[in-house]
PDB file of N, CA and C in Angstrom:
ATOM      1  N   MET A   1     110.480 102.598 108.515  1.00  0.00           N
ATOM      2  CA  MET A   1     110.107 101.383 109.212  1.00  0.00           C
ATOM      3  C   MET A   1     109.369 100.475 108.229  1.00  0.00           C
ATOM      4  N   SER A   2     110.028  99.427 107.784  1.00  0.00           N
ATOM      5  CA  SER A   2     109.339  98.547 106.848  1.00  0.00           C
ATOM      6  C   SER A   2     108.903  97.237 107.498  1.00  0.00           C
ATOM      7  N   ARG A   3     109.441  96.914 108.666  1.00  0.00           N
ATOM      8  CA  ARG A   3     109.064  95.675 109.347  1.00  0.00           C
ATOM      9  C   ARG A   3     108.212  95.998 110.571  1.00  0.00           C
ATOM     10  N   ILE A   4     107.130  95.244 110.717  1.00  0.00           N
ATOM     11  CA  ILE A   4     106.209  95.437 111.836  1.00  0.00           C
ATOM     12  C   ILE A   4     106.114  94.124 112.600  1.00  0.00           C
ATOM     13  N   SER A   5     106.290  94.201 113.918  1.00  0.00           N
ATOM     14  CA  SER A   5     106.218  93.004 114.760  1.00  0.00           C
ATOM     15  C   SER A   5     104.775  92.594 114.997  1.00  0.00           C
ATOM     16  N   PHE A   6     104.546  91.290 114.988  1.00  0.00           N
ATOM     17  CA  PHE A   6     103.234  90.763 115.346  1.00  0.00           C
ATOM     18  C   PHE A   6     102.976  90.996 116.829  1.00  0.00           C
ATOM     19  N   ILE A   7     101.722  91.046 117.214  1.00  0.00           N
ATOM     20  CA  ILE A   7     101.338  91.197 118.616  1.00  0.00           C
ATOM     21  C   ILE A   7     101.154  89.822 119.253  1.00  0.00           C
ATOM     22  N   TYR A   8     100.461  88.923 118.575  1.00  0.00           N
ATOM     23  CA  TYR A   8     100.120  87.611 119.132  1.00  0.00           C
ATOM     24  C   TYR A   8     100.926  86.473 118.517  1.00  0.00           C
ATOM     25  N   SER A   9     102.085  86.779 118.006  1.00  0.00           N
ATOM     26  CA  SER A   9     102.943  85.775 117.393  1.00  0.00           C
ATOM     27  C   SER A   9     104.366  86.314 117.383  1.00  0.00           C
ATOM     28  N   SER A  10     105.326  85.431 117.371  1.00  0.00           N
ATOM     29  CA  SER A  10     106.706  85.901 117.258  1.00  0.00           C
ATOM     30  C   SER A  10     106.969  86.312 115.810  1.00  0.00           C
ATOM     31  N   GLY A  11     107.966  87.126 115.625  1.00  0.00           N
ATOM     32  CA  GLY A  11     108.346  87.534 114.281  1.00  0.00           C
ATOM     33  C   GLY A  11     107.705  88.825 113.829  1.00  0.00           C
ATOM     34  N   ASP A  12     107.862  89.103 112.548  1.00  0.00           N
ATOM     35  CA  ASP A  12     107.364  90.349 111.981  1.00  0.00           C
ATOM     36  C   ASP A  12     107.058  90.148 110.504  1.00  0.00           C
ATOM     37  N   PHE A  13     106.577  91.208 109.870  1.00  0.00           N
ATOM     38  CA  PHE A  13     106.297  91.165 108.435  1.00  0.00           C
ATOM     39  C   PHE A  13     106.725  92.482 107.815  1.00  0.00           C
ATOM     40  N   ASP A  14     106.920  92.469 106.514  1.00  0.00           N
ATOM     41  CA  ASP A  14     107.347  93.648 105.769  1.00  0.00           C
ATOM     42  C   ASP A  14     106.108  94.380 105.255  1.00  0.00           C
ATOM     43  N   ILE A  15     105.944  95.623 105.650  1.00  0.00           N
ATOM     44  CA  ILE A  15     104.780  96.413 105.241  1.00  0.00           C
ATOM     45  C   ILE A  15     104.737  96.570 103.721  1.00  0.00           C
ATOM     46  N   ASN A  16     105.899  96.587 103.081  1.00  0.00           N
ATOM     47  CA  ASN A  16     105.933  96.713 101.622  1.00  0.00           C
ATOM     48  C   ASN A  16     105.348  95.479 100.930  1.00  0.00           C
ATOM     49  N   GLU A  17     105.493  94.309 101.557  1.00  0.00           N
ATOM     50  CA  GLU A  17     104.864  93.097 101.023  1.00  0.00           C
ATOM     51  C   GLU A  17     103.343  93.207 101.113  1.00  0.00           C
ATOM     52  N   LEU A  18     102.861  93.787 102.206  1.00  0.00           N
ATOM     53  CA  LEU A  18     101.416  93.981 102.354  1.00  0.00           C
ATOM     54  C   LEU A  18     100.900  94.944 101.290  1.00  0.00           C
ATOM     55  N   VAL A  19     101.601  96.039 101.072  1.00  0.00           N
ATOM     56  CA  VAL A  19     101.206  97.006 100.039  1.00  0.00           C
ATOM     57  C   VAL A  19     101.159  96.319  98.671  1.00  0.00           C
ATOM     58  N   ALA A  20     102.192  95.550  98.350  1.00  0.00           N
ATOM     59  CA  ALA A  20     102.241  94.854  97.055  1.00  0.00           C
ATOM     60  C   ALA A  20     101.100  93.854  96.924  1.00  0.00           C
ATOM     61  N   TRP A  21     100.779  93.157  98.005  1.00  0.00           N
ATOM     62  CA  TRP A  21      99.688  92.183  97.978  1.00  0.00           C
ATOM     63  C   TRP A  21      98.347  92.872  97.735  1.00  0.00           C
ATOM     64  N   VAL A  22      98.118  93.998  98.423  1.00  0.00           N
ATOM     65  CA  VAL A  22      96.860  94.738  98.227  1.00  0.00           C
ATOM     66  C   VAL A  22      96.775  95.234  96.787  1.00  0.00           C
ATOM     67  N   LYS A  23      97.845  95.840  96.286  1.00  0.00           N
ATOM     68  CA  LYS A  23      97.838  96.321  94.898  1.00  0.00           C
ATOM     69  C   LYS A  23      97.623  95.177  93.918  1.00  0.00           C
ATOM     70  N   GLY A  24      98.224  94.035  94.197  1.00  0.00           N
ATOM     71  CA  GLY A  24      98.080  92.872  93.334  1.00  0.00           C
ATOM     72  C   GLY A  24      96.666  92.313  93.295  1.00  0.00           C
ATOM     73  N   SER A  25      95.872  92.654  94.304  1.00  0.00           N
ATOM     74  CA  SER A  25      94.482  92.185  94.350  1.00  0.00           C
ATOM     75  C   SER A  25      93.596  92.957  93.378  1.00  0.00           C
ATOM     76  N   GLY A  26      94.125  94.077  92.869  1.00  0.00           N
ATOM     77  CA  GLY A  26      93.331  94.912  91.974  1.00  0.00           C
ATOM     78  C   GLY A  26      92.457  95.910  92.709  1.00  0.00           C
ATOM     79  N   ARG A  27      92.565  95.918  94.031  1.00  0.00           N
ATOM     80  CA  ARG A  27      91.801  96.878  94.841  1.00  0.00           C
ATOM     81  C   ARG A  27      92.773  97.835  95.523  1.00  0.00           C
ATOM     82  N   THR A  28      92.236  98.884  96.102  1.00  0.00           N
ATOM     83  CA  THR A  28      93.059  99.835  96.850  1.00  0.00           C
ATOM     84  C   THR A  28      92.835  99.681  98.347  1.00  0.00           C
ATOM     85  N   TYR A  29      92.233  98.578  98.745  1.00  0.00           N
ATOM     86  CA  TYR A  29      91.936  98.330 100.155  1.00  0.00           C
ATOM     87  C   TYR A  29      91.966  96.835 100.431  1.00  0.00           C
ATOM     88  N   VAL A  30      92.024  96.522 101.730  1.00  0.00           N
ATOM     89  CA  VAL A  30      91.903  95.137 102.175  1.00  0.00           C
ATOM     90  C   VAL A  30      90.947  95.123 103.363  1.00  0.00           C
ATOM     91  N   ILE A  31      90.027  94.184 103.362  1.00  0.00           N
ATOM     92  CA  ILE A  31      89.114  94.007 104.481  1.00  0.00           C
ATOM     93  C   ILE A  31      89.918  93.476 105.662  1.00  0.00           C
ATOM     94  N   ILE A  32      89.650  93.988 106.874  1.00  0.00           N
ATOM     95  CA  ILE A  32      90.386  93.515 108.049  1.00  0.00           C
ATOM     96  C   ILE A  32      90.057  92.047 108.310  1.00  0.00           C
ATOM     97  N   GLY A  33      88.806  91.687 108.343  1.00  0.00           N
ATOM     98  CA  GLY A  33      88.386  90.286 108.351  1.00  0.00           C
ATOM     99  C   GLY A  33      88.858  89.429 109.500  1.00  0.00           C
ATOM    100  N   GLY A  34      88.915  89.993 110.706  1.00  0.00           N
ATOM    101  CA  GLY A  34      89.303  89.204 111.867  1.00  0.00           C
ATOM    102  C   GLY A  34      88.375  88.015 112.062  1.00  0.00           C
ATOM    103  N   ASP A  35      88.958  86.869 112.321  1.00  0.00           N
ATOM    104  CA  ASP A  35      88.184  85.638 112.457  1.00  0.00           C
ATOM    105  C   ASP A  35      88.813  84.810 113.573  1.00  0.00           C
ATOM    106  N   ASN A  36      87.984  84.299 114.465  1.00  0.00           N
ATOM    107  CA  ASN A  36      88.492  83.515 115.592  1.00  0.00           C
ATOM    108  C   ASN A  36      88.477  82.014 115.319  1.00  0.00           C
ATOM    109  N   THR A  37      88.553  81.632 114.068  1.00  0.00           N
ATOM    110  CA  THR A  37      88.613  80.220 113.700  1.00  0.00           C
ATOM    111  C   THR A  37      90.051  79.841 113.362  1.00  0.00           C
ATOM    112  N   THR A  38      90.248  78.610 112.968  1.00  0.00           N
ATOM    113  CA  THR A  38      91.586  78.181 112.560  1.00  0.00           C
ATOM    114  C   THR A  38      91.921  78.784 111.197  1.00  0.00           C
ATOM    115  N   PHE A  39      93.183  78.752 110.869  1.00  0.00           N
ATOM    116  CA  PHE A  39      93.634  79.273 109.577  1.00  0.00           C
ATOM    117  C   PHE A  39      92.942  78.538 108.431  1.00  0.00           C
ATOM    118  N   ASP A  40      92.870  77.227 108.535  1.00  0.00           N
ATOM    119  CA  ASP A  40      92.285  76.422 107.458  1.00  0.00           C
ATOM    120  C   ASP A  40      90.793  76.641 107.264  1.00  0.00           C
ATOM    121  N   THR A  41      90.099  77.120 108.295  1.00  0.00           N
ATOM    122  CA  THR A  41      88.650  77.341 108.176  1.00  0.00           C
ATOM    123  C   THR A  41      88.294  78.826 108.165  1.00  0.00           C
ATOM    124  N   HIS A  42      89.287  79.685 107.976  1.00  0.00           N
ATOM    125  CA  HIS A  42      89.062  81.139 107.965  1.00  0.00           C
ATOM    126  C   HIS A  42      88.018  81.485 106.908  1.00  0.00           C
ATOM    127  N   SER A  43      87.056  82.338 107.274  1.00  0.00           N
ATOM    128  CA  SER A  43      85.940  82.651 106.368  1.00  0.00           C
ATOM    129  C   SER A  43      86.268  83.705 105.309  1.00  0.00           C
ATOM    130  N   LYS A  44      87.390  84.414 105.465  1.00  0.00           N
ATOM    131  CA  LYS A  44      87.733  85.474 104.509  1.00  0.00           C
ATOM    132  C   LYS A  44      89.197  85.360 104.080  1.00  0.00           C
ATOM    133  N   PRO A  45      89.497  84.455 103.156  1.00  0.00           N
ATOM    134  CA  PRO A  45      90.889  84.264 102.738  1.00  0.00           C
ATOM    135  C   PRO A  45      91.503  85.453 101.996  1.00  0.00           C
ATOM    136  N   GLY A  46      90.705  86.433 101.616  1.00  0.00           N
ATOM    137  CA  GLY A  46      91.238  87.632 100.981  1.00  0.00           C
ATOM    138  C   GLY A  46      91.438  88.772 101.965  1.00  0.00           C
ATOM    139  N   SER A  47      91.363  88.479 103.264  1.00  0.00           N
ATOM    140  CA  SER A  47      91.406  89.528 104.288  1.00  0.00           C
ATOM    141  C   SER A  47      92.813  89.769 104.834  1.00  0.00           C
ATOM    142  N   LEU A  48      92.951  90.896 105.521  1.00  0.00           N
ATOM    143  CA  LEU A  48      94.194  91.229 106.209  1.00  0.00           C
ATOM    144  C   LEU A  48      94.527  90.161 107.244  1.00  0.00           C
ATOM    145  N   ASP A  49      93.537  89.734 108.022  1.00  0.00           N
ATOM    146  CA  ASP A  49      93.786  88.736 109.057  1.00  0.00           C
ATOM    147  C   ASP A  49      94.363  87.459 108.455  1.00  0.00           C
ATOM    148  N   TYR A  50      93.809  87.016 107.360  1.00  0.00           N
ATOM    149  CA  TYR A  50      94.297  85.799 106.705  1.00  0.00           C
ATOM    150  C   TYR A  50      95.728  86.000 106.209  1.00  0.00           C
ATOM    151  N   TRP A  51      95.997  87.141 105.581  1.00  0.00           N
ATOM    152  CA  TRP A  51      97.343  87.423 105.081  1.00  0.00           C
ATOM    153  C   TRP A  51      98.344  87.454 106.234  1.00  0.00           C
ATOM    154  N   LEU A  52      97.982  88.133 107.326  1.00  0.00           N
ATOM    155  CA  LEU A  52      98.874  88.199 108.483  1.00  0.00           C
ATOM    156  C   LEU A  52      99.148  86.808 109.047  1.00  0.00           C
ATOM    157  N   ARG A  53      98.105  86.005 109.165  1.00  0.00           N
ATOM    158  CA  ARG A  53      98.286  84.641 109.676  1.00  0.00           C
ATOM    159  C   ARG A  53      99.224  83.837 108.783  1.00  0.00           C
ATOM    160  N   SER A  54      99.123  84.049 107.481  1.00  0.00           N
ATOM    161  CA  SER A  54      99.981  83.300 106.552  1.00  0.00           C
ATOM    162  C   SER A  54     101.452  83.647 106.747  1.00  0.00           C
ATOM    163  N   LYS A  55     101.731  84.801 107.331  1.00  0.00           N
ATOM    164  CA  LYS A  55     103.104  85.255 107.561  1.00  0.00           C
ATOM    165  C   LYS A  55     103.581  84.971 108.985  1.00  0.00           C
ATOM    166  N   SER A  56     102.680  84.570 109.872  1.00  0.00           N
ATOM    167  CA  SER A  56     103.027  84.429 111.289  1.00  0.00           C
ATOM    168  C   SER A  56     103.337  82.983 111.663  1.00  0.00           C
ATOM    169  N   SER A  57     103.921  82.812 112.835  1.00  0.00           N
ATOM    170  CA  SER A  57     104.212  81.468 113.341  1.00  0.00           C
ATOM    171  C   SER A  57     103.010  80.875 114.072  1.00  0.00           C
ATOM    172  N   SER A  58     101.982  81.693 114.325  1.00  0.00           N
ATOM    173  CA  SER A  58     100.771  81.235 115.024  1.00  0.00           C
ATOM    174  C   SER A  58      99.576  81.376 114.091  1.00  0.00           C
ATOM    175  N   LYS A  59      99.505  80.510 113.112  1.00  0.00           N
ATOM    176  CA  LYS A  59      98.492  80.635 112.056  1.00  0.00           C
ATOM    177  C   LYS A  59      97.054  80.479 112.547  1.00  0.00           C
ATOM    178  N   ASP A  60      96.852  79.791 113.655  1.00  0.00           N
ATOM    179  CA  ASP A  60      95.496  79.580 114.151  1.00  0.00           C
ATOM    180  C   ASP A  60      95.053  80.639 115.158  1.00  0.00           C
ATOM    181  N   VAL A  61      95.841  81.704 115.303  1.00  0.00           N
ATOM    182  CA  VAL A  61      95.525  82.795 116.226  1.00  0.00           C
ATOM    183  C   VAL A  61      95.203  84.048 115.426  1.00  0.00           C
ATOM    184  N   ARG A  62      94.091  84.687 115.771  1.00  0.00           N
ATOM    185  CA  ARG A  62      93.708  85.937 115.114  1.00  0.00           C
ATOM    186  C   ARG A  62      94.860  86.934 115.232  1.00  0.00           C
ATOM    187  N   GLN A  63      95.251  87.542 114.120  1.00  0.00           N
ATOM    188  CA  GLN A  63      96.376  88.481 114.111  1.00  0.00           C
ATOM    189  C   GLN A  63      95.944  89.932 113.884  1.00  0.00           C
ATOM    190  N   SER A  64      94.747  90.150 113.387  1.00  0.00           N
ATOM    191  CA  SER A  64      94.312  91.517 113.043  1.00  0.00           C
ATOM    192  C   SER A  64      93.714  92.239 114.246  1.00  0.00           C
ATOM    193  N   CYS A  65      94.512  92.385 115.300  1.00  0.00           N
ATOM    194  CA  CYS A  65      94.057  93.080 116.507  1.00  0.00           C
ATOM    195  C   CYS A  65      94.219  94.597 116.338  1.00  0.00           C
ATOM    196  N   ALA A  66      93.547  95.350 117.198  1.00  0.00           N
ATOM    197  CA  ALA A  66      93.559  96.816 117.114  1.00  0.00           C
ATOM    198  C   ALA A  66      94.977  97.383 117.203  1.00  0.00           C
ATOM    199  N   GLU A  67      95.805  96.807 118.058  1.00  0.00           N
ATOM    200  CA  GLU A  67      97.171  97.315 118.231  1.00  0.00           C
ATOM    201  C   GLU A  67      98.003  97.137 116.957  1.00  0.00           C
ATOM    202  N   LEU A  68      97.863  96.006 116.296  1.00  0.00           N
ATOM    203  CA  LEU A  68      98.610  95.774 115.058  1.00  0.00           C
ATOM    204  C   LEU A  68      98.073  96.647 113.926  1.00  0.00           C
ATOM    205  N   ILE A  69      96.769  96.820 113.872  1.00  0.00           N
ATOM    206  CA  ILE A  69      96.175  97.705 112.860  1.00  0.00           C
ATOM    207  C   ILE A  69      96.685  99.128 113.055  1.00  0.00           C
ATOM    208  N   ALA A  70      96.788  99.576 114.312  1.00  0.00           N
ATOM    209  CA  ALA A  70      97.319 100.916 114.594  1.00  0.00           C
ATOM    210  C   ALA A  70      98.761 101.046 114.101  1.00  0.00           C
ATOM    211  N   LYS A  71      99.562  99.999 114.270  1.00  0.00           N
ATOM    212  CA  LYS A  71     100.948 100.030 113.777  1.00  0.00           C
ATOM    213  C   LYS A  71     100.985 100.165 112.255  1.00  0.00           C
ATOM    214  N   ILE A  72     100.086  99.463 111.584  1.00  0.00           N
ATOM    215  CA  ILE A  72     100.027  99.542 110.116  1.00  0.00           C
ATOM    216  C   ILE A  72      99.625 100.948 109.683  1.00  0.00           C
ATOM    217  N   VAL A  73      98.618 101.512 110.333  1.00  0.00           N
ATOM    218  CA  VAL A  73      98.161 102.870 110.012  1.00  0.00           C
ATOM    219  C   VAL A  73      99.267 103.885 110.302  1.00  0.00           C
ATOM    220  N   ASP A  74     100.020 103.665 111.368  1.00  0.00           N
ATOM    221  CA  ASP A  74     101.107 104.584 111.733  1.00  0.00           C
ATOM    222  C   ASP A  74     102.210 104.674 110.678  1.00  0.00           C
ATOM    223  N   THR A  75     102.273 103.723 109.756  1.00  0.00           N
ATOM    224  CA  THR A  75     103.270 103.807 108.678  1.00  0.00           C
ATOM    225  C   THR A  75     102.936 104.928 107.699  1.00  0.00           C
ATOM    226  N   GLY A  76     101.677 105.385 107.710  1.00  0.00           N
ATOM    227  CA  GLY A  76     101.243 106.410 106.771  1.00  0.00           C
ATOM    228  C   GLY A  76     100.847 105.855 105.412  1.00  0.00           C
ATOM    229  N   LEU A  77     100.919 104.540 105.250  1.00  0.00           N
ATOM    230  CA  LEU A  77     100.592 103.915 103.968  1.00  0.00           C
ATOM    231  C   LEU A  77      99.122 103.516 103.858  1.00  0.00           C
ATOM    232  N   PHE A  78      98.445 103.397 104.998  1.00  0.00           N
ATOM    233  CA  PHE A  78      97.044 102.983 105.041  1.00  0.00           C
ATOM    234  C   PHE A  78      96.254 103.882 105.980  1.00  0.00           C
ATOM    235  N   VAL A  79      94.959 103.975 105.731  1.00  0.00           N
ATOM    236  CA  VAL A  79      94.022 104.607 106.662  1.00  0.00           C
ATOM    237  C   VAL A  79      92.901 103.609 106.928  1.00  0.00           C
ATOM    238  N   GLU A  80      92.294 103.726 108.099  1.00  0.00           N
ATOM    239  CA  GLU A  80      91.140 102.881 108.400  1.00  0.00           C
ATOM    240  C   GLU A  80      89.940 103.402 107.627  1.00  0.00           C
ATOM    241  N   ALA A  81      89.135 102.492 107.124  1.00  0.00           N
ATOM    242  CA  ALA A  81      87.982 102.864 106.300  1.00  0.00           C
ATOM    243  C   ALA A  81      86.921 101.775 106.412  1.00  0.00           C
ATOM    244  N   GLN A  82      85.922 101.888 105.582  1.00  0.00           N
ATOM    245  CA  GLN A  82      84.922 100.835 105.411  1.00  0.00           C
ATOM    246  C   GLN A  82      84.733 100.642 103.916  1.00  0.00           C
ATOM    247  N   ASP A  83      84.777  99.414 103.489  1.00  0.00           N
ATOM    248  CA  ASP A  83      84.650  99.080 102.073  1.00  0.00           C
ATOM    249  C   ASP A  83      83.821  97.810 101.929  1.00  0.00           C
ATOM    250  N   ILE A  84      83.428  97.542 100.702  1.00  0.00           N
ATOM    251  CA  ILE A  84      82.648  96.344 100.411  1.00  0.00           C
ATOM    252  C   ILE A  84      83.569  95.122 100.412  1.00  0.00           C
ATOM    253  N   CYS A  85      83.206  94.135 101.198  1.00  0.00           N
ATOM    254  CA  CYS A  85      83.967  92.889 101.257  1.00  0.00           C
ATOM    255  C   CYS A  85      83.749  92.117  99.961  1.00  0.00           C
ATOM    256  N   PRO A  86      84.818  91.718  99.283  1.00  0.00           N
ATOM    257  CA  PRO A  86      84.657  90.974  98.033  1.00  0.00           C
ATOM    258  C   PRO A  86      84.062  89.576  98.238  1.00  0.00           C
ATOM    259  N   GLU A  87      84.150  89.050  99.452  1.00  0.00           N
ATOM    260  CA  GLU A  87      83.620  87.710  99.712  1.00  0.00           C
ATOM    261  C   GLU A  87      82.154  87.721 100.145  1.00  0.00           C
ATOM    262  N   THR A  88      81.769  88.718 100.956  1.00  0.00           N
ATOM    263  CA  THR A  88      80.389  88.753 101.469  1.00  0.00           C
ATOM    264  C   THR A  88      79.537  89.833 100.818  1.00  0.00           C
ATOM    265  N   GLU A  89      80.177  90.767 100.119  1.00  0.00           N
ATOM    266  CA  GLU A  89      79.513  91.922  99.505  1.00  0.00           C
ATOM    267  C   GLU A  89      78.826  92.812 100.538  1.00  0.00           C
ATOM    268  N   ARG A  90      79.325  92.774 101.774  1.00  0.00           N
ATOM    269  CA  ARG A  90      78.807  93.633 102.839  1.00  0.00           C
ATOM    270  C   ARG A  90      79.849  94.697 103.172  1.00  0.00           C
ATOM    271  N   LEU A  91      79.383  95.796 103.757  1.00  0.00           N
ATOM    272  CA  LEU A  91      80.281  96.857 104.193  1.00  0.00           C
ATOM    273  C   LEU A  91      81.053  96.373 105.419  1.00  0.00           C
ATOM    274  N   CYS A  92      82.366  96.418 105.355  1.00  0.00           N
ATOM    275  CA  CYS A  92      83.221  95.907 106.431  1.00  0.00           C
ATOM    276  C   CYS A  92      84.347  96.890 106.724  1.00  0.00           C
ATOM    277  N   ASN A  93      84.918  96.761 107.919  1.00  0.00           N
ATOM    278  CA  ASN A  93      86.087  97.556 108.268  1.00  0.00           C
ATOM    279  C   ASN A  93      87.248  97.141 107.373  1.00  0.00           C
ATOM    280  N   SER A  94      88.009  98.145 106.954  1.00  0.00           N
ATOM    281  CA  SER A  94      89.101  97.880 106.017  1.00  0.00           C
ATOM    282  C   SER A  94      90.282  98.793 106.287  1.00  0.00           C
ATOM    283  N   LEU A  95      91.374  98.501 105.610  1.00  0.00           N
ATOM    284  CA  LEU A  95      92.516  99.407 105.528  1.00  0.00           C
ATOM    285  C   LEU A  95      92.647  99.779 104.066  1.00  0.00           C
ATOM    286  N   ARG A  96      92.679 101.068 103.807  1.00  0.00           N
ATOM    287  CA  ARG A  96      92.748 101.565 102.433  1.00  0.00           C
ATOM    288  C   ARG A  96      94.113 102.195 102.193  1.00  0.00           C
ATOM    289  N   LEU A  97      94.701 101.890 101.052  1.00  0.00           N
ATOM    290  CA  LEU A  97      95.982 102.493 100.687  1.00  0.00           C
ATOM    291  C   LEU A  97      95.828 103.999 100.548  1.00  0.00           C
ATOM    292  N   VAL A  98      96.792 104.736 101.063  1.00  0.00           N
ATOM    293  CA  VAL A  98      96.766 106.195 100.963  1.00  0.00           C
ATOM    294  C   VAL A  98      97.205 106.628  99.578  1.00  0.00           C
ATOM    295  N   ASN A  99      98.244 105.996  99.043  1.00  0.00           N
ATOM    296  CA  ASN A  99      98.785 106.357  97.741  1.00  0.00           C
ATOM    297  C   ASN A  99      98.472 105.236  96.763  1.00  0.00           C
ATOM    298  N   LYS A 100      97.769 105.550  95.694  1.00  0.00           N
ATOM    299  CA  LYS A 100      97.328 104.526  94.741  1.00  0.00           C
ATOM    300  C   LYS A 100      98.319 104.290  93.608  1.00  0.00           C
ATOM    301  N   MET A 101      99.559 104.746  93.736  1.00  0.00           N
ATOM    302  CA  MET A 101     100.550 104.623  92.664  1.00  0.00           C
ATOM    303  C   MET A 101     100.601 103.251  92.059  1.00  0.00           C
TER     304      MET A 101
END
């Protein structure tokens, strides 16, 4: 299963693109970073929520809901964790890659 459907938007995204984006960040995790603001005023542009919104048809709607996070974890490629947010330097909920290849 490489495509995951959005919960609050039509369409889907490729989980392999998410893996590549996380690896490309130089980290082995991504902060979930749910934000109830518009896409343009999102407070964490390096977050999962921001990345998901950039791929969805509803950019101003929070996309990092619990149900979608569970679908991502169910792929076996990520686990839920807590990591330091690169933007706030605070401990935040995250998704961490299982395989660091």
